[in-house]
Amino acid sequence: MKVEDPRNLRSIGDSTSIRDIWDLPSSQIMKFSFSVRVWSKLDRARTGTLNLGTGKPLADTPCLLLTTRKGLPAFITPELLDEIYPAANLLQISPIHFLETPPTSLISGVGGIHLLVGLPEYGLAAFARDSLMCEANGQGTTKLGAAFETSGGRRLVGPSKYMELVNALKPDFWGSLPDEVPAWVSTKRNRMSVDRTLNWLDHCLSLHSVGAIFGTVVGGVDLELRMHSAQETAKRRVSGFSLGGFGLGESKEERAALLEVAIERLPAELPRHVSGLGMPEEVLEAVSAGCDILDSTYPHTLTTGGYAMTFPLSIQDEHDSEKLSIEECATLGSDSSKINLRSMSYRSDTSPLLKSCECHACCKYSRAYIHHLLNTHEMLAQTLLDIHNVTHYLRFFAAIREAISQNSFDQYKSWFVSRRR
């Protein structure tokens, strides 16, 4: 059988083909790999390529993991993903979503999450943290497992159950079970979190049978514990690292130092993922520190709130964008980065959401129409806003990669942050 070229982003388009790939001899199957292409000269920012293996897309990093609910986007049908988000290759799932239904035997029986949701040609990453539904607070967690809030109440998930879910889902890469705690916990609780996460990583490794594993680094806001967690995790046989515990109450100054001490102690040749840093400024900070893969609920949060992203992606975009005074922003419920489509000011505005955007929503529909859909509670409003917001955020990541490639990321970051203040 001919092995499909992995650079063809849609080379495997049906369940038969993907099953054939699994049946290939191991010598013919390309494994998960990561390579760095360009390093920024003034910080740790870098571009690279994430190869998920035979029949899977190549992902350029820094990249965005699209948030999903049980493997599917919240507002877009699977068959439209390729047409609407051609630049999106990676989706994020949380194994915790599958605690109740469907049963792991069913998921495993159909061949994993790719075939269950009908997206065999996409890369799927599994991480325990679910920033969309609830954030980690460390409460209820014991040495037996981490506590998660689910639709069926609080559930305690140990490494054995977690690996049962992961092995059934068969993601392309996944993060080990973490014990994440917020910034305000005691040093004793923080140290316990680090020890548990390392023990659970060893347990996960002993039960590991699918995908590439990312060891989770924790430590809260304690620099010594962050260093210890990173050093110990780097000793394990993992394919990458997931920096956990961010976005849980640490200050901006603390975050920068925590990212630095952790990444300094991780091998440069392996990819780094971070959760909890989804705002544009936070994304730039994480990329500057050396992170390659980021997940973000920011587009989803704006969509459900009735907002559309409008922040410029380049200096040229800023020159072409509409200028609003502070008084106008207050009246519209908007700012320099987004507009509030629920505002009555847009009920007769026939302009697109963003003139420089070429997404389906901006090419076909007006602000007035989406304002009408929101006020009549039509689900199409969220669909159109999500199309625009996700497209805009993917373009933001493309602009970051371009700036790093041209060795101008530091200037791009300074310009972007200065105009957002």
Protein backbone atom coordinates (compact mmCIF):
# COMPACT_ATOMS: atom_id res chain seq x y z
CA MET A 1 0.00 0.00 0.00
CA LYS A 2 1.26 3.49 -0.84
CA VAL A 3 1.99 5.64 2.20
CA GLU A 4 0.29 9.02 1.88
CA ASP A 5 2.47 12.12 1.94
CA PRO A 6 1.99 13.74 5.37
CA ARG A 7 2.51 17.18 3.84
CA ASN A 8 -0.81 16.77 2.08
CA LEU A 9 -2.95 18.26 4.82
CA ARG A 10 -6.04 16.40 3.76
CA SER A 11 -4.46 13.21 2.42
CA ILE A 12 -6.49 10.92 4.64
CA GLY A 13 -10.13 11.76 4.25
CA ASP A 14 -12.13 8.67 5.21
CA SER A 15 -12.23 6.04 7.93
CA THR A 16 -11.02 3.25 5.66
CA SER A 17 -7.83 5.12 4.82
CA ILE A 18 -7.06 5.93 8.42
CA ARG A 19 -7.56 2.31 9.45
CA ASP A 20 -5.20 1.25 6.67
CA ILE A 21 -2.60 3.64 8.05
CA TRP A 22 -2.88 2.00 11.47
CA ASP A 23 -2.31 -1.41 9.84
CA LEU A 24 1.00 -0.37 8.23
CA PRO A 25 4.21 -1.96 9.51
CA SER A 26 5.83 0.21 12.17
CA SER A 27 8.85 0.74 9.90
CA GLN A 28 6.64 2.57 7.40
CA ILE A 29 4.78 4.80 9.85
CA MET A 30 6.16 8.27 10.51
CA LYS A 31 6.17 9.07 14.23
CA PHE A 32 5.36 12.25 16.13
CA SER A 33 8.21 14.74 15.78
CA PHE A 34 9.02 18.41 16.23
CA SER A 35 11.65 20.59 14.58
CA VAL A 36 12.59 24.22 15.18
CA ARG A 37 13.01 26.39 12.08
CA VAL A 38 13.75 29.92 13.29
CA TRP A 39 14.84 31.31 16.67
CA SER A 40 14.19 34.92 17.66
CA LYS A 41 17.44 36.73 18.49
CA LEU A 42 16.11 38.82 21.37
CA ASP A 43 14.04 36.24 23.30
CA ARG A 44 13.06 32.56 23.24
CA ALA A 45 10.33 32.88 20.60
CA ARG A 46 10.66 30.36 17.79
CA THR A 47 8.85 28.89 14.82
CA GLY A 48 8.76 25.19 14.14
CA THR A 49 6.92 22.29 12.57
CA LEU A 50 4.88 19.73 14.45
CA ASN A 51 4.62 16.43 12.55
CA LEU A 52 1.88 14.23 13.97
CA GLY A 53 2.85 11.22 11.87
CA THR A 54 1.73 9.41 8.74
CA GLY A 55 -1.53 10.66 7.26
CA LYS A 56 -1.73 13.66 9.60
CA PRO A 57 -1.29 17.37 8.93
CA LEU A 58 1.88 19.31 9.59
CA ALA A 59 1.27 22.16 12.00
CA ASP A 60 3.36 25.32 11.97
CA THR A 61 4.15 26.63 15.44
CA PRO A 62 3.43 28.73 17.43
CA CYS A 63 -0.07 27.38 16.83
CA LEU A 64 -3.56 27.51 18.30
CA LEU A 65 -5.50 24.48 19.49
CA LEU A 66 -9.16 25.02 18.63
CA THR A 67 -11.41 24.47 21.65
CA THR A 68 -14.03 21.76 21.24
CA ARG A 69 -16.77 20.06 23.18
CA LYS A 70 -16.18 16.32 23.00
CA GLY A 71 -14.14 16.75 19.84
CA LEU A 72 -16.49 19.04 17.93
CA PRO A 73 -16.48 22.84 17.65
CA ALA A 74 -19.30 24.53 19.52
CA PHE A 75 -20.88 26.38 16.59
CA ILE A 76 -19.52 24.81 13.38
CA THR A 77 -20.44 21.45 11.85
CA PRO A 78 -17.50 19.11 11.15
CA GLU A 79 -17.96 19.08 7.38
CA LEU A 80 -17.51 22.87 7.28
CA LEU A 81 -14.26 22.93 9.26
CA ASP A 82 -11.97 22.49 6.26
CA GLU A 83 -13.77 25.13 4.19
CA ILE A 84 -14.16 27.75 6.92
CA TYR A 85 -10.90 27.23 8.84
CA PRO A 86 -8.41 25.94 6.26
CA ALA A 87 -5.51 27.00 8.50
CA ALA A 88 -6.76 25.02 11.49
CA ASN A 89 -5.20 21.57 11.78
CA LEU A 90 -5.32 20.93 15.52
CA LEU A 91 -8.31 20.49 17.82
CA GLN A 92 -8.27 20.13 21.59
CA ILE A 93 -10.34 17.70 23.65
CA SER A 94 -10.57 17.03 27.36
CA PRO A 95 -10.72 13.35 28.35
CA ILE A 96 -12.79 14.46 31.36
CA HIS A 97 -15.69 15.24 29.01
CA PHE A 98 -15.97 11.53 28.29
CA LEU A 99 -16.31 10.34 31.89
CA GLU A 100 -20.08 9.79 31.62
CA THR A 101 -20.83 9.14 27.96
CA PRO A 102 -20.11 7.58 25.58
CA PRO A 103 -18.49 4.59 27.33
CA THR A 104 -14.80 3.97 26.67
CA SER A 105 -15.61 0.56 25.16
CA LEU A 106 -17.69 2.25 22.46
CA ILE A 107 -15.03 4.90 21.73
CA SER A 108 -12.30 2.29 21.50
CA GLY A 109 -14.49 -0.03 19.45
CA VAL A 110 -15.03 2.51 16.67
CA GLY A 111 -11.32 3.34 16.54
CA GLY A 112 -10.96 6.36 18.80
CA ILE A 113 -12.13 9.96 18.85
CA HIS A 114 -11.04 10.72 15.26
CA LEU A 115 -13.48 8.20 13.82
CA LEU A 116 -16.16 8.78 16.44
CA VAL A 117 -16.56 12.45 15.44
CA GLY A 118 -15.70 11.91 11.76
CA LEU A 119 -12.48 13.95 11.69
CA PRO A 120 -9.75 11.42 10.84
CA GLU A 121 -7.65 13.97 8.96
CA TYR A 122 -7.30 16.41 11.88
CA GLY A 123 -4.82 16.39 14.70
CA LEU A 124 -6.46 15.94 18.10
CA ALA A 125 -4.71 16.85 21.36
CA ALA A 126 -6.02 15.75 24.75
CA PHE A 127 -5.37 17.76 27.92
CA ALA A 128 -7.22 17.34 31.20
CA ARG A 129 -7.80 21.02 31.89
CA ASP A 130 -11.14 22.36 30.69
CA SER A 131 -10.97 26.15 30.72
CA LEU A 132 -14.28 26.35 28.87
CA MET A 133 -16.49 24.76 31.53
CA CYS A 134 -14.56 25.15 34.80
CA GLU A 135 -11.10 26.11 36.01
CA ALA A 136 -8.94 24.05 38.35
CA ASN A 137 -9.02 25.13 41.99
CA GLY A 138 -7.27 22.19 43.67
CA GLN A 139 -10.26 21.48 45.93
CA GLY A 140 -11.28 17.88 46.40
CA THR A 141 -8.04 16.50 44.93
CA THR A 142 -6.39 13.70 46.88
CA LYS A 143 -3.44 11.36 46.40
CA LEU A 144 -5.88 9.05 44.59
CA GLY A 145 -6.66 11.52 41.80
CA ALA A 146 -7.56 15.01 40.65
CA ALA A 147 -11.03 16.48 41.20
CA PHE A 148 -12.99 17.83 38.23
CA GLU A 149 -16.40 19.45 37.99
CA THR A 150 -18.50 17.59 35.41
CA SER A 151 -22.12 17.59 34.28
CA GLY A 152 -22.66 14.80 36.82
CA GLY A 153 -21.04 16.69 39.70
CA ARG A 154 -17.52 16.59 41.10
CA ARG A 155 -15.57 13.51 40.02
CA LEU A 156 -12.26 12.20 41.28
CA VAL A 157 -10.12 10.94 38.40
CA GLY A 158 -7.01 8.89 39.11
CA PRO A 159 -4.23 8.11 36.64
CA SER A 160 -5.65 4.64 35.86
CA LYS A 161 -9.07 6.01 34.90
CA TYR A 162 -7.46 8.89 33.05
CA MET A 163 -5.35 6.51 30.98
CA GLU A 164 -8.38 4.35 30.28
CA LEU A 165 -9.97 7.42 28.69
CA VAL A 166 -6.82 8.46 26.81
CA ASN A 167 -6.16 4.98 25.42
CA ALA A 168 -9.75 4.74 24.23
CA LEU A 169 -9.72 8.21 22.63
CA LYS A 170 -6.39 7.62 20.82
CA PRO A 171 -5.38 11.32 20.52
CA ASP A 172 -2.32 12.29 18.49
CA PHE A 173 -0.71 13.78 21.59
CA TRP A 174 -1.87 14.29 25.14
CA GLY A 175 -0.85 15.71 28.50
CA SER A 176 -0.35 13.68 31.68
CA LEU A 177 -2.82 14.05 34.54
CA PRO A 178 -1.92 17.20 36.55
CA ASP A 179 -2.75 18.44 40.02
CA GLU A 180 -3.18 22.13 39.20
CA VAL A 181 -3.63 24.63 42.02
CA PRO A 182 -4.38 28.38 42.05
CA ALA A 183 -1.82 31.00 43.04
CA TRP A 184 -3.09 31.49 46.59
CA VAL A 185 -2.55 27.97 47.99
CA SER A 186 0.04 27.27 50.67
CA THR A 187 3.60 26.15 49.94
CA LYS A 188 2.77 22.76 51.48
CA ARG A 189 -0.18 22.27 49.11
CA ASN A 190 1.94 23.45 46.20
CA ARG A 191 4.71 20.96 46.99
CA MET A 192 2.11 18.22 47.25
CA SER A 193 0.83 19.22 43.80
CA VAL A 194 4.30 18.82 42.27
CA ASP A 195 4.89 15.42 43.89
CA ARG A 196 1.48 14.11 42.84
CA THR A 197 1.86 15.31 39.26
CA LEU A 198 5.24 13.58 38.95
CA ASN A 199 3.87 10.35 40.46
CA TRP A 200 0.87 10.45 38.14
CA LEU A 201 3.18 11.07 35.16
CA ASP A 202 5.09 7.89 36.00
CA HIS A 203 1.79 6.03 36.32
CA CYS A 204 0.59 7.40 32.96
CA LEU A 205 3.85 6.38 31.31
CA SER A 206 3.47 2.83 32.62
CA LEU A 207 -0.01 2.61 31.02
CA HIS A 208 0.81 4.60 27.88
CA SER A 209 -0.17 2.86 24.63
CA VAL A 210 -1.23 5.60 22.17
CA GLY A 211 -0.09 8.99 20.94
CA ALA A 212 2.77 11.18 22.12
CA ILE A 213 2.81 12.07 25.81
CA PHE A 214 3.47 15.58 27.13
CA GLY A 215 4.71 15.66 30.72
CA THR A 216 2.91 18.30 32.77
CA VAL A 217 4.97 20.88 34.70
CA VAL A 218 3.32 22.52 37.72
CA GLY A 219 4.49 24.43 40.80
CA GLY A 220 2.08 27.33 41.23
CA VAL A 221 3.82 30.65 41.84
CA ASP A 222 6.78 29.10 43.66
CA LEU A 223 9.92 29.49 41.52
CA GLU A 224 11.82 26.70 43.30
CA LEU A 225 8.98 24.25 42.87
CA ARG A 226 8.56 25.22 39.21
CA MET A 227 12.25 24.54 38.63
CA HIS A 228 12.06 21.21 40.45
CA SER A 229 8.96 20.14 38.52
CA ALA A 230 10.55 21.07 35.17
CA GLN A 231 13.84 19.33 35.96
CA GLU A 232 12.17 16.12 37.12
CA THR A 233 9.69 16.03 34.24
CA ALA A 234 12.53 16.50 31.74
CA LYS A 235 14.13 13.30 33.07
CA ARG A 236 11.13 11.23 31.92
CA ARG A 237 10.76 9.78 28.43
CA VAL A 238 8.20 12.22 27.06
CA SER A 239 7.63 13.77 23.62
CA GLY A 240 6.91 17.27 24.88
CA PHE A 241 5.87 19.35 27.87
CA SER A 242 2.66 20.98 29.05
CA LEU A 243 3.06 23.97 31.36
CA GLY A 244 0.12 23.77 33.77
CA GLY A 245 -1.21 26.00 36.50
CA PHE A 246 -1.17 29.27 34.56
CA GLY A 247 -4.06 31.70 34.39
CA LEU A 248 -5.05 30.76 37.96
CA GLY A 249 -4.40 34.01 39.79
CA GLU A 250 -0.71 34.74 39.22
CA SER A 251 0.34 38.32 38.42
CA LYS A 252 1.88 39.29 35.09
CA GLU A 253 5.28 39.72 36.74
CA GLU A 254 5.05 36.33 38.44
CA ARG A 255 3.98 34.67 35.19
CA ALA A 256 7.00 35.93 33.25
CA ALA A 257 9.42 34.63 35.88
CA LEU A 258 7.60 31.29 36.20
CA LEU A 259 7.66 30.70 32.44
CA GLU A 260 11.34 31.58 32.28
CA VAL A 261 12.55 29.29 35.07
CA ALA A 262 10.51 26.35 33.78
CA ILE A 263 11.43 26.63 30.10
CA GLU A 264 15.12 27.17 30.90
CA ARG A 265 15.16 23.65 32.29
CA LEU A 266 13.35 21.92 29.46
CA PRO A 267 15.18 20.51 26.42
CA ALA A 268 14.95 22.88 23.45
CA GLU A 269 14.29 20.14 20.90
CA LEU A 270 10.88 19.20 22.34
CA PRO A 271 7.62 21.18 21.96
CA ARG A 272 6.01 23.07 24.82
CA HIS A 273 2.29 23.52 25.38
CA VAL A 274 0.67 25.95 27.81
CA SER A 275 -2.91 26.24 29.07
CA GLY A 276 -4.68 29.20 30.60
CA LEU A 277 -2.96 31.98 28.63
CA GLY A 278 -5.48 32.81 25.91
CA MET A 279 -5.70 36.62 25.72
CA PRO A 280 -3.66 38.16 22.87
CA GLU A 281 -1.16 39.79 25.23
CA GLU A 282 -0.80 36.53 27.16
CA VAL A 283 -0.24 34.62 23.92
CA LEU A 284 2.59 37.00 22.98
CA GLU A 285 4.12 36.64 26.44
CA ALA A 286 4.00 32.83 26.24
CA VAL A 287 5.46 32.79 22.72
CA SER A 288 8.22 35.17 23.81
CA ALA A 289 9.07 32.76 26.63
CA GLY A 290 9.36 29.85 24.18
CA CYS A 291 5.93 28.17 24.08
CA ASP A 292 4.92 26.46 20.84
CA ILE A 293 1.33 25.25 21.32
CA LEU A 294 -1.41 27.25 23.01
CA ASP A 295 -5.08 26.67 23.70
CA SER A 296 -7.47 29.55 24.17
CA THR A 297 -11.12 30.07 25.00
CA TYR A 298 -10.87 33.77 24.08
CA PRO A 299 -12.61 33.45 20.66
CA HIS A 300 -15.37 31.33 22.20
CA THR A 301 -15.87 33.76 25.10
CA LEU A 302 -16.21 36.73 22.75
CA THR A 303 -18.59 34.80 20.51
CA THR A 304 -20.96 33.84 23.32
CA GLY A 305 -20.88 37.45 24.55
CA GLY A 306 -21.87 38.85 21.15
CA TYR A 307 -18.48 40.41 20.40
CA ALA A 308 -16.38 40.41 17.23
CA MET A 309 -12.60 40.81 17.22
CA THR A 310 -11.39 43.91 15.42
CA PHE A 311 -7.84 44.45 16.70
CA PRO A 312 -5.31 45.11 13.91
CA LEU A 313 -2.83 42.37 13.09
CA SER A 314 -0.19 44.67 11.61
CA ILE A 315 0.76 48.34 11.53
CA GLN A 316 -0.87 48.61 8.08
CA ASP A 317 -4.10 47.17 9.47
CA GLU A 318 -4.01 49.81 12.21
CA HIS A 319 -3.78 52.58 9.63
CA ASP A 320 -6.79 51.17 7.79
CA SER A 321 -8.94 50.47 10.85
CA GLU A 322 -11.68 52.75 12.08
CA LYS A 323 -10.74 55.08 14.93
CA LEU A 324 -13.12 55.47 17.86
CA SER A 325 -12.86 57.96 20.70
CA ILE A 326 -13.10 56.89 24.34
CA GLU A 327 -16.61 58.34 24.47
CA GLU A 328 -17.67 56.42 21.35
CA CYS A 329 -16.26 53.17 22.75
CA ALA A 330 -18.18 53.70 25.98
CA THR A 331 -21.39 54.35 24.06
CA LEU A 332 -20.97 51.28 21.85
CA GLY A 333 -19.80 48.97 24.62
CA SER A 334 -16.71 48.33 22.49
CA ASP A 335 -12.99 49.06 22.58
CA SER A 336 -10.01 49.08 20.23
CA SER A 337 -9.90 45.27 20.11
CA LYS A 338 -13.54 44.23 19.73
CA ILE A 339 -17.05 45.50 18.98
CA ASN A 340 -20.26 44.67 20.81
CA LEU A 341 -22.81 43.59 18.21
CA ARG A 342 -25.62 43.75 20.76
CA SER A 343 -25.34 47.54 20.81
CA MET A 344 -28.24 49.37 19.13
CA SER A 345 -25.65 51.50 17.31
CA TYR A 346 -25.17 48.63 14.84
CA ARG A 347 -28.83 48.01 13.93
CA SER A 348 -28.47 49.92 10.65
CA ASP A 349 -24.72 49.43 10.07
CA THR A 350 -24.35 47.65 6.73
CA SER A 351 -20.56 47.38 6.89
CA PRO A 352 -18.85 44.02 7.52
CA LEU A 353 -17.55 43.05 10.95
CA LEU A 354 -14.02 43.94 9.80
CA LYS A 355 -13.25 45.42 6.39
CA SER A 356 -9.82 43.79 6.12
CA CYS A 357 -11.16 40.31 6.96
CA GLU A 358 -11.98 37.81 4.20
CA CYS A 359 -13.78 35.23 6.32
CA HIS A 360 -17.19 33.91 5.27
CA ALA A 361 -19.03 36.06 7.82
CA CYS A 362 -17.34 39.31 6.75
CA CYS A 363 -17.75 38.60 3.03
CA LYS A 364 -21.45 37.74 3.20
CA TYR A 365 -23.07 39.48 6.16
CA SER A 366 -23.30 42.90 7.79
CA ARG A 367 -23.08 44.11 11.35
CA ALA A 368 -26.77 45.03 11.19
CA TYR A 369 -27.77 41.49 10.25
CA ILE A 370 -25.73 39.89 13.03
CA HIS A 371 -27.12 42.48 15.48
CA HIS A 372 -30.61 41.39 14.38
CA LEU A 373 -29.75 37.69 14.82
CA LEU A 374 -28.47 38.33 18.35
CA ASN A 375 -31.56 40.26 19.35
CA THR A 376 -33.84 37.53 18.01
CA HIS A 377 -31.74 34.83 19.72
CA GLU A 378 -30.91 33.03 16.49
CA MET A 379 -28.08 30.50 16.79
CA LEU A 380 -26.74 31.67 13.41
CA ALA A 381 -25.46 34.78 15.22
CA GLN A 382 -22.98 32.72 17.25
CA THR A 383 -22.06 30.68 14.17
CA LEU A 384 -21.15 33.79 12.15
CA LEU A 385 -19.34 35.43 15.05
CA ASP A 386 -17.39 32.25 15.73
CA ILE A 387 -16.37 32.01 12.06
CA HIS A 388 -14.99 35.53 12.22
CA ASN A 389 -13.40 35.35 15.67
CA VAL A 390 -11.61 32.04 15.11
CA THR A 391 -10.42 33.13 11.66
CA HIS A 392 -9.11 36.41 13.08
CA TYR A 393 -7.29 34.61 15.90
CA LEU A 394 -5.73 32.14 13.47
CA ARG A 395 -4.52 35.12 11.44
CA PHE A 396 -3.08 36.56 14.66
CA PHE A 397 -1.00 33.40 15.13
CA ALA A 398 0.08 33.57 11.48
CA ALA A 399 1.22 37.18 12.06
CA ILE A 400 3.25 36.01 15.08
CA ARG A 401 4.96 33.30 13.03
CA GLU A 402 5.71 35.81 10.27
CA ALA A 403 7.22 38.28 12.75
CA ILE A 404 9.48 35.59 14.24
CA SER A 405 10.57 34.46 10.77
CA GLN A 406 11.51 38.03 9.87
CA ASN A 407 13.33 38.49 13.19
CA SER A 408 10.97 41.29 14.19
CA PHE A 409 8.91 39.58 16.88
CA ASP A 410 10.17 41.84 19.67
CA GLN A 411 9.09 44.93 17.73
CA TYR A 412 5.76 43.31 16.85
CA LYS A 413 5.10 42.43 20.48
CA SER A 414 6.00 45.95 21.69
CA TRP A 415 3.76 47.56 19.07
CA PHE A 416 0.84 45.26 19.80
CA VAL A 417 0.98 45.61 23.58
CA SER A 418 1.45 49.42 23.46
CA ARG A 419 -1.64 49.97 21.33
CA ARG A 420 -3.78 47.74 23.55
CA ARG A 421 -3.16 49.76 26.72
